[in-house]
Each structure stands twice: as C-alpha cells, then as structure tokens.
Amino acid sequence: MKTTFTARHFDASQQLKQYSVDAVQKLDQFYDRIVTCDIILEPTPDDEEPQQAELNVKIPQKLLNAKEKAPTYEQAMNRVVDNITRQLKKYKNKHFTNH
C-alpha cells in the first residue's frame, strides 16, 4: 500500500505525520488489496472542531473517501480511519460474501 501525506496551509510535525501513516496502516487488516491511501490534513474555520482530516483510499475498481473534523488532528485521523474501516467492511461484505 502506497501512502501519501499532505498538510494544507500548515506545517505538520514529524510526529503527526507518523501518527497519520501508522493509523492508515491498520486498514490493511480489514482489506489487503488497498492500492493507495491519501491523507490530507487541513485547518478549518470552525471554532469547535478546527482540524480536518480527509482520507482517500483506492482499492481495485473503487475509491473510498471520508472527511472528519475534530478538535485535534489526531482525533480527526481516528474518526476518519473508523469511517473508512466501516466502508471497507461494507464493501467486502457486499462483494465477497455473495460469491
């Protein structure tokens, strides 16, 4: 799985980048044919939840996308990974239990 990391409109620390990459690596246990993962972190004008994480996960014949906001980037990453995990499980159930 190829992972790209983008921090829009701010400089991400090495720890934040590592945390994000480690978080998406866990997706492999739910679906092993993930081609690429694009992590995009950016600040938002929202006072309650000023950090946003977006995750684009490419699997054969499909692109899964999720966006989540939270008070910190780490929390946003956790939420977005949970969201993609649900999408992967749903995709897997739909495509591999019927055959």
N, C-alpha and C. Protein backbone atom coordinates (compact mmCIF):
# COMPACT_ATOMS: atom_id res chain seq x y z
N MET A 1 0.84 -1.19 0.00
CA MET A 1 0.00 0.00 0.00
C MET A 1 0.88 1.25 0.00
N LYS A 2 0.63 2.13 -0.96
CA LYS A 2 1.38 3.37 -1.05
C LYS A 2 0.61 4.46 -0.29
N THR A 3 1.28 5.18 0.56
CA THR A 3 0.62 6.22 1.36
C THR A 3 1.23 7.58 1.07
N THR A 4 0.37 8.56 0.81
CA THR A 4 0.85 9.93 0.65
C THR A 4 0.26 10.78 1.77
N PHE A 5 1.02 11.77 2.18
CA PHE A 5 0.62 12.65 3.29
C PHE A 5 0.69 14.09 2.82
N THR A 6 -0.39 14.84 3.02
CA THR A 6 -0.43 16.25 2.64
C THR A 6 -0.94 17.08 3.82
N ALA A 7 -0.22 18.13 4.14
CA ALA A 7 -0.67 19.09 5.15
C ALA A 7 -0.95 20.41 4.44
N ARG A 8 -2.21 20.78 4.37
CA ARG A 8 -2.58 22.01 3.67
C ARG A 8 -2.61 23.20 4.63
N HIS A 9 -1.96 24.27 4.25
CA HIS A 9 -1.99 25.55 4.98
C HIS A 9 -1.37 25.50 6.38
N PHE A 10 -0.55 24.50 6.64
CA PHE A 10 0.21 24.46 7.90
C PHE A 10 1.35 23.47 7.74
N ASP A 11 2.33 23.56 8.63
CA ASP A 11 3.45 22.63 8.61
C ASP A 11 3.20 21.54 9.65
N ALA A 12 3.10 20.32 9.19
CA ALA A 12 2.84 19.21 10.10
C ALA A 12 4.14 18.75 10.75
N SER A 13 4.05 18.40 12.02
CA SER A 13 5.22 17.87 12.72
C SER A 13 5.48 16.44 12.23
N GLN A 14 6.69 15.97 12.45
CA GLN A 14 7.05 14.60 12.07
C GLN A 14 6.21 13.59 12.84
N GLN A 15 5.92 13.92 14.13
CA GLN A 15 5.09 13.01 14.94
C GLN A 15 3.68 12.89 14.37
N LEU A 16 3.11 14.02 13.93
CA LEU A 16 1.76 14.00 13.37
C LEU A 16 1.74 13.18 12.07
N LYS A 17 2.74 13.37 11.26
CA LYS A 17 2.82 12.62 10.01
C LYS A 17 2.93 11.12 10.30
N GLN A 18 3.81 10.76 11.23
CA GLN A 18 4.00 9.35 11.59
C GLN A 18 2.72 8.75 12.17
N TYR A 19 2.06 9.53 13.03
CA TYR A 19 0.80 9.08 13.64
C TYR A 19 -0.23 8.78 12.56
N SER A 20 -0.34 9.67 11.58
CA SER A 20 -1.31 9.52 10.50
C SER A 20 -1.02 8.29 9.65
N VAL A 21 0.26 8.12 9.28
CA VAL A 21 0.65 6.98 8.45
C VAL A 21 0.42 5.67 9.21
N ASP A 22 0.76 5.65 10.49
CA ASP A 22 0.54 4.45 11.30
C ASP A 22 -0.95 4.11 11.39
N ALA A 23 -1.78 5.14 11.51
CA ALA A 23 -3.22 4.94 11.63
C ALA A 23 -3.79 4.28 10.38
N VAL A 24 -3.35 4.72 9.19
CA VAL A 24 -3.89 4.11 7.96
C VAL A 24 -3.30 2.72 7.70
N GLN A 25 -2.13 2.43 8.24
CA GLN A 25 -1.55 1.09 8.06
C GLN A 25 -2.48 0.02 8.65
N LYS A 26 -3.24 0.39 9.68
CA LYS A 26 -4.15 -0.56 10.33
C LYS A 26 -5.26 -1.01 9.39
N LEU A 27 -5.54 -0.22 8.35
CA LEU A 27 -6.61 -0.57 7.41
C LEU A 27 -6.30 -1.87 6.66
N ASP A 28 -5.02 -2.19 6.55
CA ASP A 28 -4.61 -3.42 5.86
C ASP A 28 -5.23 -4.67 6.47
N GLN A 29 -5.48 -4.65 7.78
CA GLN A 29 -6.04 -5.83 8.42
C GLN A 29 -7.51 -6.06 8.03
N PHE A 30 -8.18 -5.03 7.54
CA PHE A 30 -9.57 -5.18 7.13
C PHE A 30 -9.71 -5.53 5.65
N TYR A 31 -8.76 -5.03 4.85
CA TYR A 31 -8.81 -5.32 3.42
C TYR A 31 -7.39 -5.23 2.88
N ASP A 32 -6.89 -6.35 2.34
CA ASP A 32 -5.47 -6.40 1.98
C ASP A 32 -5.16 -5.96 0.56
N ARG A 33 -6.16 -5.51 -0.21
CA ARG A 33 -5.90 -5.11 -1.59
C ARG A 33 -5.94 -3.59 -1.79
N ILE A 34 -5.67 -2.85 -0.74
CA ILE A 34 -5.65 -1.38 -0.85
C ILE A 34 -4.46 -0.98 -1.71
N VAL A 35 -4.72 -0.15 -2.71
CA VAL A 35 -3.66 0.27 -3.63
C VAL A 35 -2.94 1.50 -3.06
N THR A 36 -3.70 2.58 -2.80
CA THR A 36 -3.10 3.79 -2.25
C THR A 36 -3.99 4.41 -1.18
N CYS A 37 -3.35 5.16 -0.30
CA CYS A 37 -4.04 5.94 0.72
C CYS A 37 -3.52 7.36 0.66
N ASP A 38 -4.41 8.32 0.51
CA ASP A 38 -4.01 9.72 0.52
C ASP A 38 -4.56 10.37 1.79
N ILE A 39 -3.65 10.86 2.62
CA ILE A 39 -4.03 11.53 3.86
C ILE A 39 -3.92 13.04 3.61
N ILE A 40 -4.98 13.77 3.90
CA ILE A 40 -4.95 15.21 3.73
C ILE A 40 -5.42 15.85 5.04
N LEU A 41 -4.55 16.62 5.66
CA LEU A 41 -4.91 17.32 6.88
C LEU A 41 -4.95 18.81 6.59
N GLU A 42 -5.97 19.50 7.13
CA GLU A 42 -6.04 20.94 6.93
C GLU A 42 -6.84 21.59 8.04
N PRO A 43 -6.51 22.85 8.35
CA PRO A 43 -7.30 23.58 9.34
C PRO A 43 -8.63 24.03 8.72
N THR A 44 -9.65 24.20 9.56
CA THR A 44 -10.95 24.69 9.08
C THR A 44 -11.34 25.92 9.90
N PRO A 45 -12.24 26.74 9.38
CA PRO A 45 -12.65 27.95 10.12
C PRO A 45 -13.59 27.67 11.29
N ASP A 46 -13.93 26.41 11.52
CA ASP A 46 -14.83 26.01 12.60
C ASP A 46 -14.13 26.16 13.96
N ASP A 47 -14.75 26.91 14.89
CA ASP A 47 -14.15 27.12 16.21
C ASP A 47 -14.23 25.88 17.09
N GLU A 48 -15.31 25.12 16.97
CA GLU A 48 -15.49 23.92 17.79
C GLU A 48 -14.53 22.81 17.39
N GLU A 49 -14.43 22.56 16.09
CA GLU A 49 -13.59 21.49 15.58
C GLU A 49 -12.73 22.04 14.44
N PRO A 50 -11.63 22.71 14.81
CA PRO A 50 -10.82 23.43 13.81
C PRO A 50 -9.89 22.58 12.94
N GLN A 51 -9.79 21.29 13.20
CA GLN A 51 -8.89 20.45 12.40
C GLN A 51 -9.70 19.47 11.57
N GLN A 52 -9.26 19.26 10.33
CA GLN A 52 -9.97 18.32 9.45
C GLN A 52 -9.00 17.31 8.86
N ALA A 53 -9.44 16.06 8.82
CA ALA A 53 -8.66 15.00 8.18
C ALA A 53 -9.51 14.41 7.06
N GLU A 54 -8.86 14.21 5.92
CA GLU A 54 -9.54 13.59 4.79
C GLU A 54 -8.71 12.39 4.38
N LEU A 55 -9.39 11.32 4.02
CA LEU A 55 -8.71 10.10 3.62
C LEU A 55 -9.32 9.57 2.34
N ASN A 56 -8.49 9.41 1.31
CA ASN A 56 -8.91 8.81 0.05
C ASN A 56 -8.22 7.47 -0.06
N VAL A 57 -9.00 6.41 -0.10
CA VAL A 57 -8.45 5.06 -0.15
C VAL A 57 -8.84 4.43 -1.48
N LYS A 58 -7.84 4.10 -2.28
CA LYS A 58 -8.11 3.49 -3.59
C LYS A 58 -7.94 1.99 -3.48
N ILE A 59 -9.01 1.29 -3.86
CA ILE A 59 -8.97 -0.16 -3.94
C ILE A 59 -9.37 -0.52 -5.37
N PRO A 60 -9.12 -1.74 -5.83
CA PRO A 60 -9.46 -2.07 -7.22
C PRO A 60 -10.92 -1.74 -7.54
N GLN A 61 -11.14 -0.98 -8.61
CA GLN A 61 -12.46 -0.56 -9.10
C GLN A 61 -13.24 0.38 -8.19
N LYS A 62 -12.61 0.95 -7.17
CA LYS A 62 -13.37 1.84 -6.28
C LYS A 62 -12.46 2.80 -5.53
N LEU A 63 -13.01 3.98 -5.23
CA LEU A 63 -12.31 4.97 -4.42
C LEU A 63 -13.18 5.29 -3.22
N LEU A 64 -12.67 5.04 -2.03
CA LEU A 64 -13.41 5.36 -0.81
C LEU A 64 -12.89 6.69 -0.28
N ASN A 65 -13.82 7.52 0.18
CA ASN A 65 -13.44 8.84 0.65
C ASN A 65 -14.15 9.13 1.96
N ALA A 66 -13.43 9.76 2.89
CA ALA A 66 -14.05 10.17 4.15
C ALA A 66 -13.39 11.45 4.62
N LYS A 67 -14.19 12.31 5.26
CA LYS A 67 -13.70 13.58 5.81
C LYS A 67 -14.27 13.71 7.21
N GLU A 68 -13.42 14.04 8.15
CA GLU A 68 -13.89 14.21 9.52
C GLU A 68 -13.22 15.42 10.16
N LYS A 69 -13.98 16.12 11.02
CA LYS A 69 -13.43 17.26 11.76
C LYS A 69 -13.35 16.90 13.23
N ALA A 70 -12.40 17.52 13.92
CA ALA A 70 -12.24 17.26 15.35
C ALA A 70 -11.41 18.40 15.97
N PRO A 71 -11.36 18.45 17.30
CA PRO A 71 -10.54 19.48 17.97
C PRO A 71 -9.04 19.32 17.71
N THR A 72 -8.57 18.09 17.47
CA THR A 72 -7.14 17.88 17.16
C THR A 72 -7.03 17.01 15.90
N TYR A 73 -5.86 17.08 15.25
CA TYR A 73 -5.64 16.27 14.06
C TYR A 73 -5.65 14.79 14.38
N GLU A 74 -5.14 14.43 15.55
CA GLU A 74 -5.11 13.01 15.93
C GLU A 74 -6.52 12.45 16.06
N GLN A 75 -7.41 13.24 16.70
CA GLN A 75 -8.80 12.79 16.84
C GLN A 75 -9.47 12.71 15.48
N ALA A 76 -9.20 13.68 14.62
CA ALA A 76 -9.78 13.67 13.27
C ALA A 76 -9.30 12.44 12.50
N MET A 77 -8.01 12.10 12.64
CA MET A 77 -7.47 10.91 11.97
C MET A 77 -8.16 9.64 12.48
N ASN A 78 -8.35 9.54 13.79
CA ASN A 78 -9.02 8.36 14.36
C ASN A 78 -10.44 8.23 13.80
N ARG A 79 -11.14 9.34 13.73
CA ARG A 79 -12.52 9.32 13.22
C ARG A 79 -12.57 8.91 11.76
N VAL A 80 -11.65 9.46 10.97
CA VAL A 80 -11.65 9.20 9.53
C VAL A 80 -11.24 7.74 9.25
N VAL A 81 -10.32 7.20 10.04
CA VAL A 81 -9.91 5.80 9.88
C VAL A 81 -11.08 4.88 10.27
N ASP A 82 -11.82 5.23 11.33
CA ASP A 82 -13.00 4.44 11.71
C ASP A 82 -14.04 4.45 10.59
N ASN A 83 -14.23 5.61 10.00
CA ASN A 83 -15.18 5.77 8.91
C ASN A 83 -14.80 4.89 7.72
N ILE A 84 -13.54 4.94 7.31
CA ILE A 84 -13.06 4.13 6.18
C ILE A 84 -13.13 2.64 6.52
N THR A 85 -12.85 2.29 7.77
CA THR A 85 -12.93 0.90 8.21
C THR A 85 -14.34 0.36 7.98
N ARG A 86 -15.35 1.16 8.36
CA ARG A 86 -16.74 0.76 8.14
C ARG A 86 -17.02 0.58 6.65
N GLN A 87 -16.52 1.52 5.83
CA GLN A 87 -16.74 1.44 4.39
C GLN A 87 -16.08 0.19 3.79
N LEU A 88 -14.86 -0.11 4.25
CA LEU A 88 -14.15 -1.30 3.75
C LEU A 88 -14.89 -2.58 4.12
N LYS A 89 -15.38 -2.67 5.36
CA LYS A 89 -16.11 -3.86 5.80
C LYS A 89 -17.38 -4.03 4.98
N LYS A 90 -18.08 -2.91 4.76
CA LYS A 90 -19.32 -2.96 3.98
C LYS A 90 -19.03 -3.41 2.54
N TYR A 91 -17.97 -2.85 1.96
CA TYR A 91 -17.58 -3.20 0.59
C TYR A 91 -17.25 -4.68 0.50
N LYS A 92 -16.47 -5.15 1.48
CA LYS A 92 -16.04 -6.55 1.49
C LYS A 92 -17.23 -7.49 1.63
N ASN A 93 -18.15 -7.17 2.54
CA ASN A 93 -19.34 -7.99 2.74
C ASN A 93 -20.18 -8.04 1.47
N LYS A 94 -20.34 -6.91 0.84
CA LYS A 94 -21.17 -6.81 -0.35
C LYS A 94 -20.58 -7.60 -1.52
N HIS A 95 -19.25 -7.55 -1.68
CA HIS A 95 -18.62 -8.14 -2.86
C HIS A 95 -18.08 -9.56 -2.66
N PHE A 96 -17.84 -9.96 -1.44
CA PHE A 96 -17.19 -11.25 -1.27
C PHE A 96 -18.00 -12.29 -0.51
N THR A 97 -19.17 -11.94 0.00
CA THR A 97 -19.98 -12.94 0.70
C THR A 97 -21.00 -13.57 -0.25
N ASN A 98 -21.30 -12.90 -1.37
CA ASN A 98 -22.30 -13.39 -2.30
C ASN A 98 -21.76 -14.43 -3.27
N HIS A 99 -20.45 -14.54 -3.39
CA HIS A 99 -19.87 -15.40 -4.43
C HIS A 99 -19.61 -16.80 -3.93
